[in-house]
N, C-alpha and C. Protein backbone atom coordinates (compact mmCIF):
# COMPACT_ATOMS: atom_id res chain seq x y z
N UNK A 1 21.93 -2.68 -16.96
CA UNK A 1 22.24 -1.34 -17.38
C UNK A 1 23.68 -0.98 -17.04
N UNK A 2 24.25 -1.59 -16.01
CA UNK A 2 25.61 -1.25 -15.59
C UNK A 2 26.64 -1.61 -16.64
N UNK A 3 26.37 -2.61 -17.45
CA UNK A 3 27.36 -3.03 -18.44
C UNK A 3 27.29 -2.19 -19.72
N UNK A 4 26.34 -1.30 -19.80
CA UNK A 4 26.23 -0.47 -20.99
C UNK A 4 27.21 0.70 -20.92
N UNK A 5 27.61 1.20 -22.09
CA UNK A 5 28.55 2.33 -22.09
C UNK A 5 27.95 3.57 -21.41
N UNK A 6 28.82 4.41 -20.91
CA UNK A 6 28.40 5.62 -20.20
C UNK A 6 27.49 6.48 -21.07
N UNK A 7 27.82 6.64 -22.34
CA UNK A 7 27.01 7.49 -23.22
C UNK A 7 25.59 6.95 -23.35
N UNK A 8 25.44 5.64 -23.36
CA UNK A 8 24.11 5.02 -23.44
C UNK A 8 23.31 5.32 -22.18
N UNK A 9 23.96 5.18 -21.02
CA UNK A 9 23.28 5.47 -19.75
C UNK A 9 22.93 6.95 -19.66
N UNK A 10 23.79 7.81 -20.20
CA UNK A 10 23.52 9.24 -20.23
C UNK A 10 22.29 9.52 -21.09
N UNK A 11 22.16 8.82 -22.20
CA UNK A 11 20.98 8.99 -23.07
C UNK A 11 19.71 8.55 -22.37
N UNK A 12 19.78 7.50 -21.57
CA UNK A 12 18.61 7.07 -20.79
C UNK A 12 18.18 8.19 -19.83
N UNK A 13 19.15 8.80 -19.18
CA UNK A 13 18.85 9.89 -18.24
C UNK A 13 18.22 11.07 -18.97
N UNK A 14 18.75 11.41 -20.14
CA UNK A 14 18.16 12.50 -20.93
C UNK A 14 16.75 12.16 -21.38
N UNK A 15 16.51 10.91 -21.70
CA UNK A 15 15.16 10.48 -22.09
C UNK A 15 14.20 10.68 -20.92
N UNK A 16 14.66 10.40 -19.71
CA UNK A 16 13.84 10.63 -18.52
C UNK A 16 13.52 12.11 -18.34
N UNK A 17 14.51 12.96 -18.56
CA UNK A 17 14.26 14.41 -18.48
C UNK A 17 13.27 14.86 -19.54
N UNK A 18 13.44 14.36 -20.76
CA UNK A 18 12.49 14.71 -21.83
C UNK A 18 11.08 14.27 -21.49
N UNK A 19 10.96 13.06 -20.96
CA UNK A 19 9.63 12.56 -20.56
C UNK A 19 9.00 13.49 -19.53
N UNK A 20 9.75 13.83 -18.51
CA UNK A 20 9.23 14.70 -17.45
C UNK A 20 8.85 16.06 -18.01
N UNK A 21 9.66 16.60 -18.89
CA UNK A 21 9.35 17.90 -19.48
C UNK A 21 8.06 17.86 -20.29
N UNK A 22 7.86 16.78 -21.02
CA UNK A 22 6.67 16.67 -21.88
C UNK A 22 5.40 16.33 -21.12
N UNK A 23 5.53 15.52 -20.07
CA UNK A 23 4.34 14.94 -19.46
C UNK A 23 4.04 15.40 -18.03
N UNK A 24 4.96 16.08 -17.40
CA UNK A 24 4.77 16.42 -15.99
C UNK A 24 4.73 17.93 -15.77
N UNK A 25 3.55 18.43 -15.55
CA UNK A 25 3.36 19.85 -15.31
C UNK A 25 4.14 20.32 -14.08
N UNK A 26 4.15 19.52 -13.03
CA UNK A 26 4.87 19.89 -11.81
C UNK A 26 6.36 20.06 -12.08
N UNK A 27 6.92 19.20 -12.91
CA UNK A 27 8.35 19.31 -13.23
C UNK A 27 8.62 20.62 -13.98
N UNK A 28 7.74 20.95 -14.92
CA UNK A 28 7.91 22.22 -15.64
C UNK A 28 7.75 23.41 -14.70
N UNK A 29 6.85 23.31 -13.74
CA UNK A 29 6.68 24.38 -12.75
C UNK A 29 7.95 24.55 -11.93
N UNK A 30 8.51 23.45 -11.49
CA UNK A 30 9.76 23.53 -10.72
C UNK A 30 10.90 24.06 -11.56
N UNK A 31 10.92 23.74 -12.85
CA UNK A 31 11.95 24.29 -13.72
C UNK A 31 11.82 25.81 -13.85
N UNK A 32 10.60 26.31 -13.82
CA UNK A 32 10.45 27.77 -13.86
C UNK A 32 11.03 28.41 -12.61
N UNK A 33 10.97 27.68 -11.49
CA UNK A 33 11.60 28.18 -10.26
C UNK A 33 13.11 28.24 -10.42
N UNK A 34 13.68 27.36 -11.23
CA UNK A 34 15.12 27.40 -11.49
C UNK A 34 15.50 28.73 -12.13
N UNK A 35 14.67 29.19 -13.05
CA UNK A 35 14.94 30.50 -13.68
C UNK A 35 14.89 31.61 -12.64
N UNK A 36 13.92 31.52 -11.73
CA UNK A 36 13.81 32.51 -10.66
C UNK A 36 15.07 32.51 -9.80
N UNK A 37 15.55 31.33 -9.44
CA UNK A 37 16.77 31.23 -8.62
C UNK A 37 17.96 31.80 -9.39
N UNK A 38 18.07 31.48 -10.67
CA UNK A 38 19.18 32.00 -11.47
C UNK A 38 19.17 33.53 -11.50
N UNK A 39 18.00 34.11 -11.70
CA UNK A 39 17.89 35.58 -11.71
C UNK A 39 18.24 36.14 -10.33
N UNK A 40 17.75 35.51 -9.28
CA UNK A 40 18.03 35.99 -7.92
C UNK A 40 19.52 35.92 -7.62
N UNK A 41 20.17 34.85 -8.02
CA UNK A 41 21.61 34.72 -7.79
C UNK A 41 22.36 35.80 -8.56
N UNK A 42 21.95 36.04 -9.80
CA UNK A 42 22.58 37.09 -10.60
C UNK A 42 22.34 38.47 -9.97
N UNK A 43 21.13 38.72 -9.50
CA UNK A 43 20.75 40.02 -8.97
C UNK A 43 21.40 40.31 -7.61
N UNK A 44 21.27 39.34 -6.68
CA UNK A 44 21.76 39.55 -5.32
C UNK A 44 23.25 39.27 -5.16
N UNK A 45 23.79 38.43 -6.03
CA UNK A 45 25.19 38.01 -5.93
C UNK A 45 25.56 37.58 -4.51
N UNK A 46 24.85 36.56 -4.00
CA UNK A 46 25.13 36.11 -2.64
C UNK A 46 26.50 35.42 -2.55
N UNK A 47 27.02 35.30 -1.34
CA UNK A 47 28.27 34.54 -1.17
C UNK A 47 28.11 33.13 -1.73
N UNK A 48 29.24 32.54 -2.08
CA UNK A 48 29.22 31.22 -2.74
C UNK A 48 28.51 30.15 -1.91
N UNK A 49 28.60 30.23 -0.60
CA UNK A 49 27.95 29.21 0.22
C UNK A 49 26.43 29.26 0.04
N UNK A 50 25.87 30.47 -0.07
CA UNK A 50 24.43 30.60 -0.31
C UNK A 50 24.07 30.10 -1.70
N UNK A 51 24.92 30.41 -2.67
CA UNK A 51 24.66 29.92 -4.03
C UNK A 51 24.67 28.39 -4.04
N UNK A 52 25.64 27.80 -3.36
CA UNK A 52 25.72 26.34 -3.31
C UNK A 52 24.47 25.75 -2.66
N UNK A 53 24.05 26.35 -1.54
CA UNK A 53 22.84 25.85 -0.88
C UNK A 53 21.62 25.95 -1.78
N UNK A 54 21.49 27.07 -2.47
CA UNK A 54 20.34 27.23 -3.37
C UNK A 54 20.35 26.19 -4.49
N UNK A 55 21.51 25.98 -5.10
CA UNK A 55 21.57 25.04 -6.22
C UNK A 55 21.41 23.60 -5.74
N UNK A 56 21.88 23.29 -4.55
CA UNK A 56 21.63 21.95 -4.00
C UNK A 56 20.13 21.75 -3.77
N UNK A 57 19.47 22.76 -3.23
CA UNK A 57 18.02 22.66 -3.01
C UNK A 57 17.27 22.51 -4.34
N UNK A 58 17.69 23.26 -5.34
CA UNK A 58 17.06 23.13 -6.67
C UNK A 58 17.22 21.70 -7.17
N UNK A 59 18.43 21.16 -7.07
CA UNK A 59 18.68 19.80 -7.55
C UNK A 59 17.85 18.78 -6.76
N UNK A 60 17.74 18.97 -5.46
CA UNK A 60 16.95 18.04 -4.64
C UNK A 60 15.47 18.08 -5.02
N UNK A 61 14.94 19.27 -5.22
CA UNK A 61 13.52 19.37 -5.60
C UNK A 61 13.27 18.72 -6.95
N UNK A 62 14.13 19.01 -7.93
CA UNK A 62 13.95 18.42 -9.26
C UNK A 62 14.11 16.90 -9.21
N UNK A 63 15.09 16.42 -8.45
CA UNK A 63 15.28 14.97 -8.32
C UNK A 63 14.09 14.32 -7.64
N UNK A 64 13.58 14.96 -6.60
CA UNK A 64 12.40 14.41 -5.91
C UNK A 64 11.20 14.36 -6.86
N UNK A 65 11.06 15.38 -7.67
CA UNK A 65 9.96 15.39 -8.64
C UNK A 65 10.11 14.26 -9.65
N UNK A 66 11.34 13.98 -10.07
CA UNK A 66 11.57 12.87 -10.99
C UNK A 66 11.30 11.52 -10.33
N UNK A 67 11.71 11.36 -9.06
CA UNK A 67 11.38 10.13 -8.33
C UNK A 67 9.87 9.98 -8.20
N UNK A 68 9.19 11.06 -7.91
CA UNK A 68 7.74 11.04 -7.79
C UNK A 68 7.10 10.61 -9.11
N UNK A 69 7.59 11.16 -10.20
CA UNK A 69 7.08 10.80 -11.52
C UNK A 69 7.30 9.32 -11.81
N UNK A 70 8.50 8.84 -11.49
CA UNK A 70 8.82 7.42 -11.72
C UNK A 70 7.91 6.52 -10.89
N UNK A 71 7.72 6.87 -9.63
CA UNK A 71 6.86 6.07 -8.76
C UNK A 71 5.42 6.06 -9.26
N UNK A 72 4.92 7.23 -9.63
CA UNK A 72 3.54 7.30 -10.13
C UNK A 72 3.37 6.47 -11.39
N UNK A 73 4.31 6.58 -12.33
CA UNK A 73 4.19 5.82 -13.57
C UNK A 73 4.23 4.32 -13.30
N UNK A 74 5.10 3.91 -12.41
CA UNK A 74 5.22 2.49 -12.08
C UNK A 74 3.95 1.97 -11.41
N UNK A 75 3.48 2.70 -10.41
CA UNK A 75 2.28 2.26 -9.70
C UNK A 75 1.05 2.26 -10.60
N UNK A 76 0.93 3.26 -11.45
CA UNK A 76 -0.21 3.31 -12.37
C UNK A 76 -0.19 2.13 -13.34
N UNK A 77 1.00 1.74 -13.77
CA UNK A 77 1.11 0.61 -14.70
C UNK A 77 0.84 -0.72 -13.99
N UNK A 78 1.34 -0.85 -12.77
CA UNK A 78 1.19 -2.12 -12.05
C UNK A 78 -0.17 -2.30 -11.41
N UNK A 79 -0.79 -1.19 -11.04
CA UNK A 79 -2.05 -1.28 -10.30
C UNK A 79 -2.99 -0.14 -10.74
N UNK A 80 -3.53 -0.25 -11.96
CA UNK A 80 -4.32 0.86 -12.52
C UNK A 80 -5.64 1.15 -11.79
N UNK A 81 -6.12 0.25 -10.96
CA UNK A 81 -7.41 0.48 -10.30
C UNK A 81 -7.31 1.37 -9.07
N UNK A 82 -6.16 1.95 -8.80
CA UNK A 82 -6.00 2.93 -7.72
C UNK A 82 -6.42 2.40 -6.35
N UNK A 83 -5.76 1.36 -5.91
CA UNK A 83 -5.99 0.84 -4.56
C UNK A 83 -5.52 1.86 -3.54
N UNK A 84 -5.95 1.69 -2.31
CA UNK A 84 -5.58 2.64 -1.27
C UNK A 84 -4.07 2.71 -1.06
N UNK A 85 -3.38 1.59 -1.14
CA UNK A 85 -1.93 1.62 -0.95
C UNK A 85 -1.23 2.39 -2.07
N UNK A 86 -1.80 2.35 -3.27
CA UNK A 86 -1.24 3.12 -4.39
C UNK A 86 -1.42 4.61 -4.12
N UNK A 87 -2.62 4.99 -3.70
CA UNK A 87 -2.88 6.39 -3.38
C UNK A 87 -1.96 6.87 -2.27
N UNK A 88 -1.80 6.05 -1.24
CA UNK A 88 -0.94 6.43 -0.12
C UNK A 88 0.50 6.61 -0.56
N UNK A 89 1.00 5.70 -1.37
CA UNK A 89 2.38 5.80 -1.85
C UNK A 89 2.58 7.05 -2.69
N UNK A 90 1.63 7.31 -3.59
CA UNK A 90 1.73 8.50 -4.44
C UNK A 90 1.62 9.78 -3.62
N UNK A 91 0.74 9.78 -2.62
CA UNK A 91 0.60 10.95 -1.75
C UNK A 91 1.88 11.21 -0.96
N UNK A 92 2.50 10.15 -0.48
CA UNK A 92 3.75 10.31 0.28
C UNK A 92 4.87 10.84 -0.60
N UNK A 93 4.94 10.36 -1.83
CA UNK A 93 5.97 10.86 -2.75
C UNK A 93 5.73 12.34 -3.05
N UNK A 94 4.47 12.71 -3.24
CA UNK A 94 4.16 14.13 -3.48
C UNK A 94 4.49 14.97 -2.24
N UNK A 95 4.25 14.41 -1.06
CA UNK A 95 4.58 15.13 0.17
C UNK A 95 6.08 15.34 0.29
N UNK A 96 6.88 14.38 -0.16
CA UNK A 96 8.34 14.55 -0.14
C UNK A 96 8.75 15.73 -1.01
N UNK A 97 8.14 15.84 -2.18
CA UNK A 97 8.44 16.98 -3.06
C UNK A 97 8.02 18.29 -2.38
N UNK A 98 6.86 18.28 -1.74
CA UNK A 98 6.37 19.47 -1.05
C UNK A 98 7.33 19.89 0.06
N UNK A 99 7.78 18.95 0.86
CA UNK A 99 8.69 19.27 1.96
C UNK A 99 10.00 19.85 1.43
N UNK A 100 10.54 19.27 0.39
CA UNK A 100 11.77 19.82 -0.19
C UNK A 100 11.54 21.19 -0.79
N UNK A 101 10.38 21.40 -1.40
CA UNK A 101 10.07 22.72 -1.98
C UNK A 101 9.98 23.78 -0.89
N UNK A 102 9.35 23.44 0.22
CA UNK A 102 9.25 24.37 1.35
C UNK A 102 10.65 24.66 1.91
N UNK A 103 11.46 23.62 2.03
CA UNK A 103 12.83 23.81 2.52
C UNK A 103 13.62 24.71 1.57
N UNK A 104 13.42 24.56 0.27
CA UNK A 104 14.11 25.40 -0.70
C UNK A 104 13.68 26.86 -0.55
N UNK A 105 12.39 27.07 -0.35
CA UNK A 105 11.90 28.44 -0.12
C UNK A 105 12.48 29.03 1.16
N UNK A 106 12.61 28.21 2.18
CA UNK A 106 13.20 28.66 3.44
C UNK A 106 14.66 29.05 3.25
N UNK A 107 15.41 28.24 2.53
CA UNK A 107 16.81 28.57 2.25
C UNK A 107 16.89 29.89 1.48
N UNK A 108 16.00 30.08 0.51
CA UNK A 108 16.00 31.32 -0.25
C UNK A 108 15.68 32.51 0.65
N UNK A 109 14.68 32.36 1.51
CA UNK A 109 14.31 33.45 2.42
C UNK A 109 15.45 33.78 3.38
N UNK A 110 16.12 32.77 3.90
CA UNK A 110 17.25 33.01 4.80
C UNK A 110 18.40 33.70 4.07
N UNK A 111 18.63 33.32 2.82
CA UNK A 111 19.65 33.99 2.03
C UNK A 111 19.32 35.45 1.85
N UNK A 112 18.06 35.73 1.48
CA UNK A 112 17.65 37.12 1.26
C UNK A 112 17.79 37.93 2.57
N UNK A 113 17.42 37.32 3.68
CA UNK A 113 17.55 37.99 4.98
C UNK A 113 19.01 38.24 5.31
N UNK A 114 19.87 37.27 5.07
CA UNK A 114 21.30 37.43 5.35
C UNK A 114 21.90 38.55 4.51
N UNK A 115 21.49 38.63 3.27
CA UNK A 115 22.00 39.69 2.38
C UNK A 115 21.50 41.04 2.86
N UNK A 116 20.25 41.10 3.25
CA UNK A 116 19.67 42.37 3.72
C UNK A 116 20.35 42.85 4.99
N UNK A 117 20.74 41.93 5.86
CA UNK A 117 21.36 42.29 7.14
C UNK A 117 22.84 42.66 6.99
N UNK A 118 23.41 42.44 5.85
CA UNK A 118 24.84 42.77 5.64
C UNK A 118 25.06 44.26 5.56
């Protein structure tokens, strides 16, 4: 893949986003949170550092969800009978998304508190 032109690799990435949008409910749920963050940033107008933290957290959650999707698809294709190690790997990937989601909520709450205390 490294020898392919940049535009081709970009198309592969967009295909991954399209796949996640069509087939992954969790990804669509997290994308709805992006709209919430955008409205909150517009409404509260936090300092740039808070905006940067929020958008980094959004990107991390979405990326983790995409990694989770990739892992699940790979494991399901390689080992469709759902062995215990497959379940454990998928559960751990889902837990990573959960931890990042909680961290993102915490960053949002701290931002709201900081704005309120100003």
